[in-house]
C-alpha atoms as a PDB file:
ATOM      1  CA  UNK A   1    -167.964 101.514  66.902  1.00  0.00           C
ATOM      2  CA  UNK A   2    -164.737 100.669  68.685  1.00  0.00           C
ATOM      3  CA  UNK A   3    -166.381 100.922  72.108  1.00  0.00           C
ATOM      4  CA  UNK A   4    -168.231 103.135  74.547  1.00  0.00           C
ATOM      5  CA  UNK A   5    -165.344 103.833  76.923  1.00  0.00           C
ATOM      6  CA  UNK A   6    -163.299 106.884  75.888  1.00  0.00           C
ATOM      7  CA  UNK A   7    -160.023 105.602  77.382  1.00  0.00           C
ATOM      8  CA  UNK A   8    -160.426 102.243  75.678  1.00  0.00           C
ATOM      9  CA  UNK A   9    -161.104 103.905  72.321  1.00  0.00           C
ATOM     10  CA  UNK A  10    -158.035 106.115  72.670  1.00  0.00           C
ATOM     11  CA  UNK A  11    -155.838 103.127  73.540  1.00  0.00           C
ATOM     12  CA  UNK A  12    -157.140 101.077  70.599  1.00  0.00           C
ATOM     13  CA  UNK A  13    -156.651 104.024  68.240  1.00  0.00           C
ATOM     14  CA  UNK A  14    -153.083 104.569  69.516  1.00  0.00           C
ATOM     15  CA  UNK A  15    -152.254 100.900  68.934  1.00  0.00           C
ATOM     16  CA  UNK A  16    -153.776 100.920  65.468  1.00  0.00           C
ATOM     17  CA  UNK A  17    -151.910 104.121  64.523  1.00  0.00           C
ATOM     18  CA  UNK A  18    -148.678 102.561  65.828  1.00  0.00           C
ATOM     19  CA  UNK A  19    -149.291  99.624  63.487  1.00  0.00           C
ATOM     20  CA  UNK A  20    -149.863 102.172  60.703  1.00  0.00           C
ATOM     21  CA  UNK A  21    -153.589 101.442  60.458  1.00  0.00           C
ATOM     22  CA  UNK A  22    -155.787 104.389  59.591  1.00  0.00           C
ATOM     23  CA  UNK A  23    -158.956 104.650  61.698  1.00  0.00           C
ATOM     24  CA  UNK A  24    -161.986 106.237  60.051  1.00  0.00           C
ATOM     25  CA  UNK A  25    -165.283 106.583  61.903  1.00  0.00           C
ATOM     26  CA  UNK A  26    -168.045 107.383  59.468  1.00  0.00           C
ATOM     27  CA  UNK A  27    -170.727 108.104  62.090  1.00  0.00           C
ATOM     28  CA  UNK A  28    -168.509 110.444  64.158  1.00  0.00           C
ATOM     29  CA  UNK A  29    -166.592 111.956  61.232  1.00  0.00           C
ATOM     30  CA  UNK A  30    -163.236 111.028  62.758  1.00  0.00           C
ATOM     31  CA  UNK A  31    -160.171 110.274  60.661  1.00  0.00           C
ATOM     32  CA  UNK A  32    -156.938 109.394  62.463  1.00  0.00           C
ATOM     33  CA  UNK A  33    -154.951 111.014  59.617  1.00  0.00           C
ATOM     34  CA  UNK A  34    -156.489 114.442  60.326  1.00  0.00           C
ATOM     35  CA  UNK A  35    -154.770 116.883  62.677  1.00  0.00           C
ATOM     36  CA  UNK A  36    -157.875 117.327  64.846  1.00  0.00           C
ATOM     37  CA  UNK A  37    -158.608 113.621  65.321  1.00  0.00           C
ATOM     38  CA  UNK A  38    -157.497 113.576  68.984  1.00  0.00           C
ATOM     39  CA  UNK A  39    -159.960 116.322  69.897  1.00  0.00           C
ATOM     40  CA  UNK A  40    -162.747 114.710  67.843  1.00  0.00           C
ATOM     41  CA  UNK A  41    -162.046 111.266  69.322  1.00  0.00           C
ATOM     42  CA  UNK A  42    -162.042 112.685  72.869  1.00  0.00           C
ATOM     43  CA  UNK A  43    -165.374 114.404  72.283  1.00  0.00           C
ATOM     44  CA  UNK A  44    -166.883 111.265  70.700  1.00  0.00           C
ATOM     45  CA  UNK A  45    -165.602 109.176  73.617  1.00  0.00           C
ATOM     46  CA  UNK A  46    -167.183 111.519  76.177  1.00  0.00           C
ATOM     47  CA  UNK A  47    -170.425 111.459  74.205  1.00  0.00           C
ATOM     48  CA  UNK A  48    -170.390 107.638  74.183  1.00  0.00           C
ATOM     49  CA  UNK A  49    -169.612 107.526  77.923  1.00  0.00           C
ATOM     50  CA  UNK A  50    -172.581 109.788  78.612  1.00  0.00           C
ATOM     51  CA  UNK A  51    -174.798 107.652  76.366  1.00  0.00           C
ATOM     52  CA  UNK A  52    -173.856 104.554  78.398  1.00  0.00           C
ATOM     53  CA  UNK A  53    -174.582 106.333  81.682  1.00  0.00           C
ATOM     54  CA  UNK A  54    -177.957 107.547  80.376  1.00  0.00           C
ATOM     55  CA  UNK A  55    -178.820 104.068  79.080  1.00  0.00           C
ATOM     56  CA  UNK A  56    -178.075 102.525  82.497  1.00  0.00           C
ATOM     57  CA  UNK A  57    -180.215 105.176  84.223  1.00  0.00           C
ATOM     58  CA  UNK A  58    -183.115 104.664  81.782  1.00  0.00           C
ATOM     59  CA  UNK A  59    -183.065 100.886  82.203  1.00  0.00           C
ATOM     60  CA  UNK A  60    -182.976 101.214  85.996  1.00  0.00           C
ATOM     61  CA  UNK A  61    -185.842 103.728  85.930  1.00  0.00           C
ATOM     62  CA  UNK A  62    -187.912 101.353  83.783  1.00  0.00           C
ATOM     63  CA  UNK A  63    -187.189  98.420  86.074  1.00  0.00           C
ATOM     64  CA  UNK A  64    -188.029 100.524  89.138  1.00  0.00           C
ATOM     65  CA  UNK A  65    -191.414 101.285  87.544  1.00  0.00           C
ATOM     66  CA  UNK A  66    -192.007  97.591  86.846  1.00  0.00           C
ATOM     67  CA  UNK A  67    -191.148  96.758  90.477  1.00  0.00           C
ATOM     68  CA  UNK A  68    -193.507  99.459  91.790  1.00  0.00           C
ATOM     69  CA  UNK A  69    -196.293  97.973  89.631  1.00  0.00           C
ATOM     70  CA  UNK A  70    -195.643  94.578  91.262  1.00  0.00           C
ATOM     71  CA  UNK A  71    -194.086  92.858  88.257  1.00  0.00           C
ATOM     72  CA  UNK A  72    -191.443  90.178  88.674  1.00  0.00           C
ATOM     73  CA  UNK A  73    -187.960  91.255  87.571  1.00  0.00           C
ATOM     74  CA  UNK A  74    -185.911  88.205  88.485  1.00  0.00           C
ATOM     75  CA  UNK A  75    -185.323  84.828  86.982  1.00  0.00           C
ATOM     76  CA  UNK A  76    -187.012  81.512  87.550  1.00  0.00           C
ATOM     77  CA  UNK A  77    -188.345  80.972  91.054  1.00  0.00           C
ATOM     78  CA  UNK A  78    -189.081  77.398  92.132  1.00  0.00           C
ATOM     79  CA  UNK A  79    -192.708  77.025  93.189  1.00  0.00           C
ATOM     80  CA  UNK A  80    -193.897  79.732  90.827  1.00  0.00           C
ATOM     81  CA  UNK A  81    -194.631  80.063  87.150  1.00  0.00           C
ATOM     82  CA  UNK A  82    -194.446  83.271  85.172  1.00  0.00           C
ATOM     83  CA  UNK A  83    -197.736  84.859  84.170  1.00  0.00           C
ATOM     84  CA  UNK A  84    -197.461  87.291  81.282  1.00  0.00           C
ATOM     85  CA  UNK A  85    -199.534  90.483  81.563  1.00  0.00           C
ATOM     86  CA  UNK A  86    -200.510  92.249  78.360  1.00  0.00           C
ATOM     87  CA  UNK A  87    -202.161  95.526  77.461  1.00  0.00           C
ATOM     88  CA  UNK A  88    -204.899  95.045  74.822  1.00  0.00           C
ATOM     89  CA  UNK A  89    -204.762  98.768  73.960  1.00  0.00           C
ATOM     90  CA  UNK A  90    -201.112  98.464  72.838  1.00  0.00           C
ATOM     91  CA  UNK A  91    -199.973  96.122  70.105  1.00  0.00           C
ATOM     92  CA  UNK A  92    -196.565  94.568  69.546  1.00  0.00           C
ATOM     93  CA  UNK A  93    -194.842  94.243  66.156  1.00  0.00           C
ATOM     94  CA  UNK A  94    -196.993  91.176  65.363  1.00  0.00           C
ATOM     95  CA  UNK A  95    -200.301  92.924  66.049  1.00  0.00           C
ATOM     96  CA  UNK A  96    -200.850  91.085  69.343  1.00  0.00           C
ATOM     97  CA  UNK A  97    -201.432  92.760  72.724  1.00  0.00           C
ATOM     98  CA  UNK A  98    -198.116  94.132  74.001  1.00  0.00           C
ATOM     99  CA  UNK A  99    -196.517  92.501  77.029  1.00  0.00           C
ATOM    100  CA  UNK A 100    -196.274  95.021  79.850  1.00  0.00           C
ATOM    101  CA  UNK A 101    -194.867  92.787  82.567  1.00  0.00           C
ATOM    102  CA  UNK A 102    -194.632  89.421  84.206  1.00  0.00           C
ATOM    103  CA  UNK A 103    -196.121  88.416  87.553  1.00  0.00           C
ATOM    104  CA  UNK A 104    -195.491  85.298  89.547  1.00  0.00           C
ATOM    105  CA  UNK A 105    -198.293  82.793  89.996  1.00  0.00           C
ATOM    106  CA  UNK A 106    -198.008  79.708  92.221  1.00  0.00           C
ATOM    107  CA  UNK A 107    -197.201  76.469  90.428  1.00  0.00           C
ATOM    108  CA  UNK A 108    -199.382  73.975  92.361  1.00  0.00           C
ATOM    109  CA  UNK A 109    -197.058  70.986  91.846  1.00  0.00           C
ATOM    110  CA  UNK A 110    -193.898  72.818  92.890  1.00  0.00           C
ATOM    111  CA  UNK A 111    -195.598  74.900  95.602  1.00  0.00           C
ATOM    112  CA  UNK A 112    -196.555  71.775  97.568  1.00  0.00           C
ATOM    113  CA  UNK A 113    -192.864  70.830  97.699  1.00  0.00           C
ATOM    114  CA  UNK A 114    -191.822  74.296  98.854  1.00  0.00           C
ATOM    115  CA  UNK A 115    -194.299  73.991 101.733  1.00  0.00           C
ATOM    116  CA  UNK A 116    -192.867  70.550 102.479  1.00  0.00           C
ATOM    117  CA  UNK A 117    -189.313  71.968 102.595  1.00  0.00           C
ATOM    118  CA  UNK A 118    -190.344  74.464 105.249  1.00  0.00           C
ATOM    119  CA  UNK A 119    -192.207  71.795 107.234  1.00  0.00           C
ATOM    120  CA  UNK A 120    -189.202  69.435 107.155  1.00  0.00           C
ATOM    121  CA  UNK A 121    -186.866  72.269 108.069  1.00  0.00           C
ATOM    122  CA  UNK A 122    -189.109  73.257 110.993  1.00  0.00           C
ATOM    123  CA  UNK A 123    -188.898  69.609 112.166  1.00  0.00           C
ATOM    124  CA  UNK A 124    -185.110  69.983 112.290  1.00  0.00           C
ATOM    125  CA  UNK A 125    -184.177  68.362 108.983  1.00  0.00           C
ATOM    126  CA  UNK A 126    -181.067  69.725 107.257  1.00  0.00           C
ATOM    127  CA  UNK A 127    -181.002  71.053 103.693  1.00  0.00           C
ATOM    128  CA  UNK A 128    -178.815  68.064 102.754  1.00  0.00           C
ATOM    129  CA  UNK A 129    -181.407  65.649 104.174  1.00  0.00           C
ATOM    130  CA  UNK A 130    -184.201  67.482 102.300  1.00  0.00           C
ATOM    131  CA  UNK A 131    -182.228  67.331  99.026  1.00  0.00           C
ATOM    132  CA  UNK A 132    -181.553  63.623  99.519  1.00  0.00           C
ATOM    133  CA  UNK A 133    -185.240  62.988 100.246  1.00  0.00           C
ATOM    134  CA  UNK A 134    -186.306  64.913  97.139  1.00  0.00           C
ATOM    135  CA  UNK A 135    -183.897  62.834  95.050  1.00  0.00           C
ATOM    136  CA  UNK A 136    -185.122  59.623  96.718  1.00  0.00           C
ATOM    137  CA  UNK A 137    -188.712  60.545  95.800  1.00  0.00           C
ATOM    138  CA  UNK A 138    -187.524  61.433  92.274  1.00  0.00           C
ATOM    139  CA  UNK A 139    -188.972  64.948  92.376  1.00  0.00           C
ATOM    140  CA  UNK A 140    -187.551  66.951  89.434  1.00  0.00           C
ATOM    141  CA  UNK A 141    -185.120  69.636  90.540  1.00  0.00           C
ATOM    142  CA  UNK A 142    -185.401  73.237  89.323  1.00  0.00           C
ATOM    143  CA  UNK A 143    -182.757  72.712  86.638  1.00  0.00           C
ATOM    144  CA  UNK A 144    -183.948  69.309  85.450  1.00  0.00           C
ATOM    145  CA  UNK A 145    -186.098  70.725  82.642  1.00  0.00           C
ATOM    146  CA  UNK A 146    -183.544  73.269  81.400  1.00  0.00           C
ATOM    147  CA  UNK A 147    -182.243  72.499  77.980  1.00  0.00           C
ATOM    148  CA  UNK A 148    -178.508  73.009  78.288  1.00  0.00           C
ATOM    149  CA  UNK A 149    -175.797  71.620  76.126  1.00  0.00           C
ATOM    150  CA  UNK A 150    -172.284  71.629  77.520  1.00  0.00           C
ATOM    151  CA  UNK A 151    -169.483  73.121  75.468  1.00  0.00           C
ATOM    152  CA  UNK A 152    -167.326  70.548  73.672  1.00  0.00           C
ATOM    153  CA  UNK A 153    -164.638  69.299  76.018  1.00  0.00           C
ATOM    154  CA  UNK A 154    -166.422  70.654  79.102  1.00  0.00           C
ATOM    155  CA  UNK A 155    -167.011  68.386  82.071  1.00  0.00           C
ATOM    156  CA  UNK A 156    -170.226  70.315  82.941  1.00  0.00           C
ATOM    157  CA  UNK A 157    -173.187  68.030  83.502  1.00  0.00           C
ATOM    158  CA  UNK A 158    -176.765  69.249  83.375  1.00  0.00           C
ATOM    159  CA  UNK A 159    -178.256  69.413  86.857  1.00  0.00           C
ATOM    160  CA  UNK A 160    -180.793  66.637  87.310  1.00  0.00           C
ATOM    161  CA  UNK A 161    -180.917  66.263  91.053  1.00  0.00           C
ATOM    162  CA  UNK A 162    -181.435  68.305  94.164  1.00  0.00           C
ATOM    163  CA  UNK A 163    -178.458  69.696  96.071  1.00  0.00           C
ATOM    164  CA  UNK A 164    -178.422  71.194  99.545  1.00  0.00           C
ATOM    165  CA  UNK A 165    -177.520  74.668  98.261  1.00  0.00           C
ATOM    166  CA  UNK A 166    -180.789  74.740  96.258  1.00  0.00           C
ATOM    167  CA  UNK A 167    -182.763  73.958  99.397  1.00  0.00           C
ATOM    168  CA  UNK A 168    -180.806  76.551 101.416  1.00  0.00           C
ATOM    169  CA  UNK A 169    -181.503  79.143  98.713  1.00  0.00           C
ATOM    170  CA  UNK A 170    -185.234  78.406  98.771  1.00  0.00           C
ATOM    171  CA  UNK A 171    -185.414  78.463 102.569  1.00  0.00           C
ATOM    172  CA  UNK A 172    -183.613  81.827 102.654  1.00  0.00           C
ATOM    173  CA  UNK A 173    -185.567  83.496  99.844  1.00  0.00           C
ATOM    174  CA  UNK A 174    -187.971  86.140 101.255  1.00  0.00           C
ATOM    175  CA  UNK A 175    -190.366  85.659  98.315  1.00  0.00           C
ATOM    176  CA  UNK A 176    -191.672  82.502 100.018  1.00  0.00           C
ATOM    177  CA  UNK A 177    -192.962  84.577 102.941  1.00  0.00           C
ATOM    178  CA  UNK A 178    -194.557  87.130 100.614  1.00  0.00           C
ATOM    179  CA  UNK A 179    -191.745  89.686 100.510  1.00  0.00           C
ATOM    180  CA  UNK A 180    -190.511  90.735  97.081  1.00  0.00           C
ATOM    181  CA  UNK A 181    -187.034  92.254  97.219  1.00  0.00           C
ATOM    182  CA  UNK A 182    -185.917  94.457  94.343  1.00  0.00           C
ATOM    183  CA  UNK A 183    -182.498  95.923  93.599  1.00  0.00           C
ATOM    184  CA  UNK A 184    -180.662  93.942  96.277  1.00  0.00           C
ATOM    185  CA  UNK A 185    -177.639  93.186  94.096  1.00  0.00           C
ATOM    186  CA  UNK A 186    -175.372  95.572  92.282  1.00  0.00           C
ATOM    187  CA  UNK A 187    -172.928  94.467  89.624  1.00  0.00           C
ATOM    188  CA  UNK A 188    -170.162  96.760  88.528  1.00  0.00           C
ATOM    189  CA  UNK A 189    -167.495  96.074  85.941  1.00  0.00           C
ATOM    190  CA  UNK A 190    -163.976  96.422  87.276  1.00  0.00           C
ATOM    191  CA  UNK A 191    -162.252  98.909  84.949  1.00  0.00           C
END
């Protein structure tokens, strides 16, 4: 498949034909040497565009259902651990109960620090002060346990300490007051 965007496929095909490269799509039955290839390619492109739109809608519908059921749809959340929920009546490919969702459960060690952040903040401490205090007490930061390897030549260093933006993010996250927010962000690819 050359792509799912009809305009992109047409542009790639035009460039390849200009370079005298024959394009043959076995699955769509398109041959750039045939007289009807433009019509076939346009139809295949529209079909692929519609498939992408349907796939996006199906994924969103599935995630909406997970959110309604109270499952966690985000990434790692400091102070919580992920608890896998399975359905014993459904089996996965390995014959084990199928995973139907993930719910957050408090992580006792991290949760005590989250409570401490809010207490310090209520006393008037700044996020920078809280981060410095966490580093002084050598409390592992959220990213300290992540296994990351920087790309060769990169100056990226694995996060091992607290920074004020992490504290600000925690203090501003509604999940810590019992409010789960779903579908707040929307990402769209600039054509």
